[in-house]
Amino acid sequence: MSAAQELTRGGFAAWTHHTLDALFVRLCADSCGSVLCESLRVSAGHAFLWLGSLLVTPSIHSSGES
């Protein structure tokens, strides 16, 4: 995977995380603002950061080894 592809995937993951985080903040503000809602927002953020790291990390098979 080229550096440009890695940056694109990493950028998309960061943008998705930021967008969903903003959505959760908005939903929490509109609802009761409970601890559960805040906990879900943080958990979703961690999940998307983890998924983003999986997208950016090249697979073992792409290194050219058979």
PDB file of N, CA and C in Angstrom:
ATOM      1  N   MET A   1       0.842  -1.174   0.000  1.00  0.00           N
ATOM      2  CA  MET A   1       0.000   0.000   0.000  1.00  0.00           C
ATOM      3  C   MET A   1       0.892   1.243   0.000  1.00  0.00           C
ATOM      4  N   SER A   2       0.558   2.188  -0.838  1.00  0.00           N
ATOM      5  CA  SER A   2       1.367   3.396  -0.919  1.00  0.00           C
ATOM      6  C   SER A   2       1.092   4.324   0.256  1.00  0.00           C
ATOM      7  N   ALA A   3       1.994   5.260   0.449  1.00  0.00           N
ATOM      8  CA  ALA A   3       1.830   6.231   1.531  1.00  0.00           C
ATOM      9  C   ALA A   3       0.571   7.068   1.321  1.00  0.00           C
ATOM     10  N   ALA A   4       0.266   7.384   0.064  1.00  0.00           N
ATOM     11  CA  ALA A   4      -0.941   8.178  -0.228  1.00  0.00           C
ATOM     12  C   ALA A   4      -2.200   7.411   0.162  1.00  0.00           C
ATOM     13  N   GLN A   5      -2.230   6.101  -0.123  1.00  0.00           N
ATOM     14  CA  GLN A   5      -3.380   5.290   0.252  1.00  0.00           C
ATOM     15  C   GLN A   5      -3.530   5.225   1.766  1.00  0.00           C
ATOM     16  N   GLU A   6      -2.416   5.074   2.465  1.00  0.00           N
ATOM     17  CA  GLU A   6      -2.455   5.022   3.923  1.00  0.00           C
ATOM     18  C   GLU A   6      -2.980   6.329   4.500  1.00  0.00           C
ATOM     19  N   LEU A   7      -2.515   7.467   3.951  1.00  0.00           N
ATOM     20  CA  LEU A   7      -2.985   8.762   4.439  1.00  0.00           C
ATOM     21  C   LEU A   7      -4.465   8.954   4.148  1.00  0.00           C
ATOM     22  N   THR A   8      -4.902   8.512   2.971  1.00  0.00           N
ATOM     23  CA  THR A   8      -6.310   8.637   2.611  1.00  0.00           C
ATOM     24  C   THR A   8      -7.169   7.824   3.558  1.00  0.00           C
ATOM     25  N   ARG A   9      -6.792   6.580   3.810  1.00  0.00           N
ATOM     26  CA  ARG A   9      -7.555   5.752   4.725  1.00  0.00           C
ATOM     27  C   ARG A   9      -7.521   6.311   6.142  1.00  0.00           C
ATOM     28  N   GLY A  10      -6.347   6.763   6.575  1.00  0.00           N
ATOM     29  CA  GLY A  10      -6.228   7.350   7.902  1.00  0.00           C
ATOM     30  C   GLY A  10      -7.051   8.620   8.024  1.00  0.00           C
ATOM     31  N   GLY A  11      -7.046   9.432   6.979  1.00  0.00           N
ATOM     32  CA  GLY A  11      -7.835  10.657   6.963  1.00  0.00           C
ATOM     33  C   GLY A  11      -9.322  10.370   7.004  1.00  0.00           C
ATOM     34  N   PHE A  12      -9.742   9.356   6.263  1.00  0.00           N
ATOM     35  CA  PHE A  12     -11.153   8.988   6.269  1.00  0.00           C
ATOM     36  C   PHE A  12     -11.566   8.483   7.650  1.00  0.00           C
ATOM     37  N   ALA A  13     -10.708   7.684   8.270  1.00  0.00           N
ATOM     38  CA  ALA A  13     -11.020   7.175   9.610  1.00  0.00           C
ATOM     39  C   ALA A  13     -11.120   8.325  10.608  1.00  0.00           C
ATOM     40  N   ALA A  14     -10.193   9.287  10.524  1.00  0.00           N
ATOM     41  CA  ALA A  14     -10.220  10.440  11.424  1.00  0.00           C
ATOM     42  C   ALA A  14     -11.466  11.289  11.178  1.00  0.00           C
ATOM     43  N   TRP A  15     -11.815  11.514   9.916  1.00  0.00           N
ATOM     44  CA  TRP A  15     -12.998  12.306   9.589  1.00  0.00           C
ATOM     45  C   TRP A  15     -14.257  11.613  10.095  1.00  0.00           C
ATOM     46  N   THR A  16     -14.342  10.288   9.899  1.00  0.00           N
ATOM     47  CA  THR A  16     -15.499   9.525  10.366  1.00  0.00           C
ATOM     48  C   THR A  16     -15.609   9.598  11.876  1.00  0.00           C
ATOM     49  N   HIS A  17     -14.478   9.440  12.563  1.00  0.00           N
ATOM     50  CA  HIS A  17     -14.474   9.513  14.024  1.00  0.00           C
ATOM     51  C   HIS A  17     -14.946  10.887  14.484  1.00  0.00           C
ATOM     52  N   HIS A  18     -14.424  11.939  13.874  1.00  0.00           N
ATOM     53  CA  HIS A  18     -14.792  13.303  14.251  1.00  0.00           C
ATOM     54  C   HIS A  18     -16.283  13.554  14.010  1.00  0.00           C
ATOM     55  N   THR A  19     -16.787  13.106  12.872  1.00  0.00           N
ATOM     56  CA  THR A  19     -18.187  13.315  12.522  1.00  0.00           C
ATOM     57  C   THR A  19     -19.102  12.575  13.481  1.00  0.00           C
ATOM     58  N   LEU A  20     -18.794  11.312  13.768  1.00  0.00           N
ATOM     59  CA  LEU A  20     -19.628  10.549  14.689  1.00  0.00           C
ATOM     60  C   LEU A  20     -19.541  11.088  16.109  1.00  0.00           C
ATOM     61  N   ASP A  21     -18.363  11.544  16.500  1.00  0.00           N
ATOM     62  CA  ASP A  21     -18.215  12.133  17.825  1.00  0.00           C
ATOM     63  C   ASP A  21     -19.096  13.379  17.948  1.00  0.00           C
ATOM     64  N   ALA A  22     -19.094  14.218  16.928  1.00  0.00           N
ATOM     65  CA  ALA A  22     -19.930  15.420  16.937  1.00  0.00           C
ATOM     66  C   ALA A  22     -21.414  15.046  16.978  1.00  0.00           C
ATOM     67  N   LEU A  23     -21.788  13.996  16.258  1.00  0.00           N
ATOM     68  CA  LEU A  23     -23.174  13.531  16.267  1.00  0.00           C
ATOM     69  C   LEU A  23     -23.582  13.052  17.656  1.00  0.00           C
ATOM     70  N   PHE A  24     -22.715  12.273  18.304  1.00  0.00           N
ATOM     71  CA  PHE A  24     -23.011  11.805  19.660  1.00  0.00           C
ATOM     72  C   PHE A  24     -23.126  12.980  20.631  1.00  0.00           C
ATOM     73  N   VAL A  25     -22.241  13.965  20.500  1.00  0.00           N
ATOM     74  CA  VAL A  25     -22.303  15.142  21.376  1.00  0.00           C
ATOM     75  C   VAL A  25     -23.648  15.837  21.191  1.00  0.00           C
ATOM     76  N   ARG A  26     -24.071  15.974  19.950  1.00  0.00           N
ATOM     77  CA  ARG A  26     -25.355  16.623  19.651  1.00  0.00           C
ATOM     78  C   ARG A  26     -26.524  15.814  20.228  1.00  0.00           C
ATOM     79  N   LEU A  27     -26.491  14.501  20.047  1.00  0.00           N
ATOM     80  CA  LEU A  27     -27.562  13.656  20.567  1.00  0.00           C
ATOM     81  C   LEU A  27     -27.608  13.698  22.090  1.00  0.00           C
ATOM     82  N   CYS A  28     -26.437  13.693  22.719  1.00  0.00           N
ATOM     83  CA  CYS A  28     -26.388  13.742  24.179  1.00  0.00           C
ATOM     84  C   CYS A  28     -26.908  15.079  24.694  1.00  0.00           C
ATOM     85  N   ALA A  29     -26.599  16.159  23.975  1.00  0.00           N
ATOM     86  CA  ALA A  29     -27.064  17.478  24.396  1.00  0.00           C
ATOM     87  C   ALA A  29     -28.571  17.594  24.252  1.00  0.00           C
ATOM     88  N   ASP A  30     -29.108  16.959  23.216  1.00  0.00           N
ATOM     89  CA  ASP A  30     -30.549  17.021  22.977  1.00  0.00           C
ATOM     90  C   ASP A  30     -31.324  16.105  23.920  1.00  0.00           C
ATOM     91  N   SER A  31     -30.663  15.045  24.377  1.00  0.00           N
ATOM     92  CA  SER A  31     -31.342  14.133  25.294  1.00  0.00           C
ATOM     93  C   SER A  31     -31.024  14.551  26.724  1.00  0.00           C
ATOM     94  N   CYS A  32     -31.036  13.623  27.613  1.00  0.00           N
ATOM     95  CA  CYS A  32     -30.863  13.944  29.027  1.00  0.00           C
ATOM     96  C   CYS A  32     -29.415  14.246  29.393  1.00  0.00           C
ATOM     97  N   GLY A  33     -28.454  13.970  28.492  1.00  0.00           N
ATOM     98  CA  GLY A  33     -27.047  14.202  28.811  1.00  0.00           C
ATOM     99  C   GLY A  33     -26.544  13.235  29.876  1.00  0.00           C
ATOM    100  N   SER A  34     -27.054  12.039  29.839  1.00  0.00           N
ATOM    101  CA  SER A  34     -26.742  11.066  30.878  1.00  0.00           C
ATOM    102  C   SER A  34     -25.325  10.524  30.763  1.00  0.00           C
ATOM    103  N   VAL A  35     -24.874   9.902  31.833  1.00  0.00           N
ATOM    104  CA  VAL A  35     -23.558   9.261  31.857  1.00  0.00           C
ATOM    105  C   VAL A  35     -23.520   8.126  30.840  1.00  0.00           C
ATOM    106  N   LEU A  36     -24.613   7.416  30.663  1.00  0.00           N
ATOM    107  CA  LEU A  36     -24.671   6.322  29.691  1.00  0.00           C
ATOM    108  C   LEU A  36     -24.422   6.841  28.281  1.00  0.00           C
ATOM    109  N   CYS A  37     -25.030   7.958  27.937  1.00  0.00           N
ATOM    110  CA  CYS A  37     -24.852   8.530  26.604  1.00  0.00           C
ATOM    111  C   CYS A  37     -23.391   8.933  26.396  1.00  0.00           C
ATOM    112  N   GLU A  38     -22.787   9.551  27.393  1.00  0.00           N
ATOM    113  CA  GLU A  38     -21.377   9.953  27.296  1.00  0.00           C
ATOM    114  C   GLU A  38     -20.480   8.728  27.168  1.00  0.00           C
ATOM    115  N   SER A  39     -20.812   7.671  27.897  1.00  0.00           N
ATOM    116  CA  SER A  39     -20.041   6.436  27.831  1.00  0.00           C
ATOM    117  C   SER A  39     -20.126   5.813  26.436  1.00  0.00           C
ATOM    118  N   LEU A  40     -21.298   5.821  25.849  1.00  0.00           N
ATOM    119  CA  LEU A  40     -21.469   5.303  24.486  1.00  0.00           C
ATOM    120  C   LEU A  40     -20.657   6.119  23.478  1.00  0.00           C
ATOM    121  N   ARG A  41     -20.634   7.438  23.669  1.00  0.00           N
ATOM    122  CA  ARG A  41     -19.874   8.305  22.760  1.00  0.00           C
ATOM    123  C   ARG A  41     -18.385   7.974  22.814  1.00  0.00           C
ATOM    124  N   VAL A  42     -17.869   7.815  24.013  1.00  0.00           N
ATOM    125  CA  VAL A  42     -16.446   7.504  24.177  1.00  0.00           C
ATOM    126  C   VAL A  42     -16.137   6.118  23.613  1.00  0.00           C
ATOM    127  N   SER A  43     -17.006   5.150  23.865  1.00  0.00           N
ATOM    128  CA  SER A  43     -16.794   3.790  23.353  1.00  0.00           C
ATOM    129  C   SER A  43     -16.817   3.764  21.832  1.00  0.00           C
ATOM    130  N   ALA A  44     -17.744   4.485  21.238  1.00  0.00           N
ATOM    131  CA  ALA A  44     -17.817   4.544  19.776  1.00  0.00           C
ATOM    132  C   ALA A  44     -16.558   5.196  19.209  1.00  0.00           C
ATOM    133  N   GLY A  45     -16.069   6.230  19.880  1.00  0.00           N
ATOM    134  CA  GLY A  45     -14.837   6.886  19.430  1.00  0.00           C
ATOM    135  C   GLY A  45     -13.660   5.940  19.460  1.00  0.00           C
ATOM    136  N   HIS A  46     -13.529   5.175  20.529  1.00  0.00           N
ATOM    137  CA  HIS A  46     -12.439   4.204  20.625  1.00  0.00           C
ATOM    138  C   HIS A  46     -12.568   3.132  19.547  1.00  0.00           C
ATOM    139  N   ALA A  47     -13.786   2.688  19.288  1.00  0.00           N
ATOM    140  CA  ALA A  47     -14.002   1.658  18.270  1.00  0.00           C
ATOM    141  C   ALA A  47     -13.586   2.159  16.895  1.00  0.00           C
ATOM    142  N   PHE A  48     -13.932   3.405  16.563  1.00  0.00           N
ATOM    143  CA  PHE A  48     -13.565   3.924  15.243  1.00  0.00           C
ATOM    144  C   PHE A  48     -12.076   4.185  15.119  1.00  0.00           C
ATOM    145  N   LEU A  49     -11.438   4.589  16.212  1.00  0.00           N
ATOM    146  CA  LEU A  49      -9.982   4.734  16.156  1.00  0.00           C
ATOM    147  C   LEU A  49      -9.317   3.384  15.935  1.00  0.00           C
ATOM    148  N   TRP A  50      -9.837   2.351  16.575  1.00  0.00           N
ATOM    149  CA  TRP A  50      -9.303   1.001  16.405  1.00  0.00           C
ATOM    150  C   TRP A  50      -9.521   0.521  14.976  1.00  0.00           C
ATOM    151  N   LEU A  51     -10.720   0.719  14.449  1.00  0.00           N
ATOM    152  CA  LEU A  51     -10.994   0.316  13.069  1.00  0.00           C
ATOM    153  C   LEU A  51     -10.121   1.096  12.086  1.00  0.00           C
ATOM    154  N   GLY A  52      -9.923   2.372  12.354  1.00  0.00           N
ATOM    155  CA  GLY A  52      -9.056   3.184  11.501  1.00  0.00           C
ATOM    156  C   GLY A  52      -7.628   2.674  11.500  1.00  0.00           C
ATOM    157  N   SER A  53      -7.156   2.235  12.662  1.00  0.00           N
ATOM    158  CA  SER A  53      -5.790   1.709  12.719  1.00  0.00           C
ATOM    159  C   SER A  53      -5.683   0.407  11.927  1.00  0.00           C
ATOM    160  N   LEU A  54      -6.755  -0.378  11.900  1.00  0.00           N
ATOM    161  CA  LEU A  54      -6.749  -1.602  11.096  1.00  0.00           C
ATOM    162  C   LEU A  54      -6.694  -1.285   9.605  1.00  0.00           C
ATOM    163  N   LEU A  55      -7.377  -0.230   9.201  1.00  0.00           N
ATOM    164  CA  LEU A  55      -7.368   0.155   7.791  1.00  0.00           C
ATOM    165  C   LEU A  55      -6.002   0.665   7.355  1.00  0.00           C
ATOM    166  N   VAL A  56      -5.323   1.359   8.227  1.00  0.00           N
ATOM    167  CA  VAL A  56      -4.036   1.960   7.878  1.00  0.00           C
ATOM    168  C   VAL A  56      -2.904   0.946   7.944  1.00  0.00           C
ATOM    169  N   THR A  57      -2.989  -0.001   8.855  1.00  0.00           N
ATOM    170  CA  THR A  57      -1.934  -1.004   9.018  1.00  0.00           C
ATOM    171  C   THR A  57      -1.940  -1.947   7.822  1.00  0.00           C
ATOM    172  N   PRO A  58      -0.833  -2.035   7.093  1.00  0.00           N
ATOM    173  CA  PRO A  58      -0.804  -2.943   5.941  1.00  0.00           C
ATOM    174  C   PRO A  58      -0.852  -4.404   6.407  1.00  0.00           C
ATOM    175  N   SER A  59      -1.449  -5.228   5.597  1.00  0.00           N
ATOM    176  CA  SER A  59      -1.540  -6.641   5.953  1.00  0.00           C
ATOM    177  C   SER A  59      -0.196  -7.330   5.742  1.00  0.00           C
ATOM    178  N   ILE A  60      -0.028  -8.469   6.358  1.00  0.00           N
ATOM    179  CA  ILE A  60       1.207  -9.244   6.251  1.00  0.00           C
ATOM    180  C   ILE A  60       1.434  -9.692   4.808  1.00  0.00           C
ATOM    181  N   HIS A  61       0.359 -10.028   4.127  1.00  0.00           N
ATOM    182  CA  HIS A  61       0.477 -10.552   2.766  1.00  0.00           C
ATOM    183  C   HIS A  61       0.879  -9.481   1.755  1.00  0.00           C
ATOM    184  N   SER A  62       0.681  -8.210   2.068  1.00  0.00           N
ATOM    185  CA  SER A  62       1.031  -7.166   1.102  1.00  0.00           C
ATOM    186  C   SER A  62       2.515  -6.809   1.135  1.00  0.00           C
ATOM    187  N   SER A  63       3.285  -7.433   2.025  1.00  0.00           N
ATOM    188  CA  SER A  63       4.705  -7.114   2.124  1.00  0.00           C
ATOM    189  C   SER A  63       5.544  -7.818   1.058  1.00  0.00           C
ATOM    190  N   GLY A  64       4.914  -8.672   0.246  1.00  0.00           N
ATOM    191  CA  GLY A  64       5.627  -9.334  -0.825  1.00  0.00           C
ATOM    192  C   GLY A  64       6.138 -10.705  -0.450  1.00  0.00           C
ATOM    193  N   GLU A  65       5.914 -11.151   0.783  1.00  0.00           N
ATOM    194  CA  GLU A  65       6.358 -12.473   1.203  1.00  0.00           C
ATOM    195  C   GLU A  65       5.317 -13.512   0.804  1.00  0.00           C
ATOM    196  N   SER A  66       5.782 -14.683   0.428  1.00  0.00           N
ATOM    197  CA  SER A  66       4.858 -15.751   0.028  1.00  0.00           C
ATOM    198  C   SER A  66       4.701 -16.756   1.138  1.00  0.00           C
TER     199      SER A  66
END
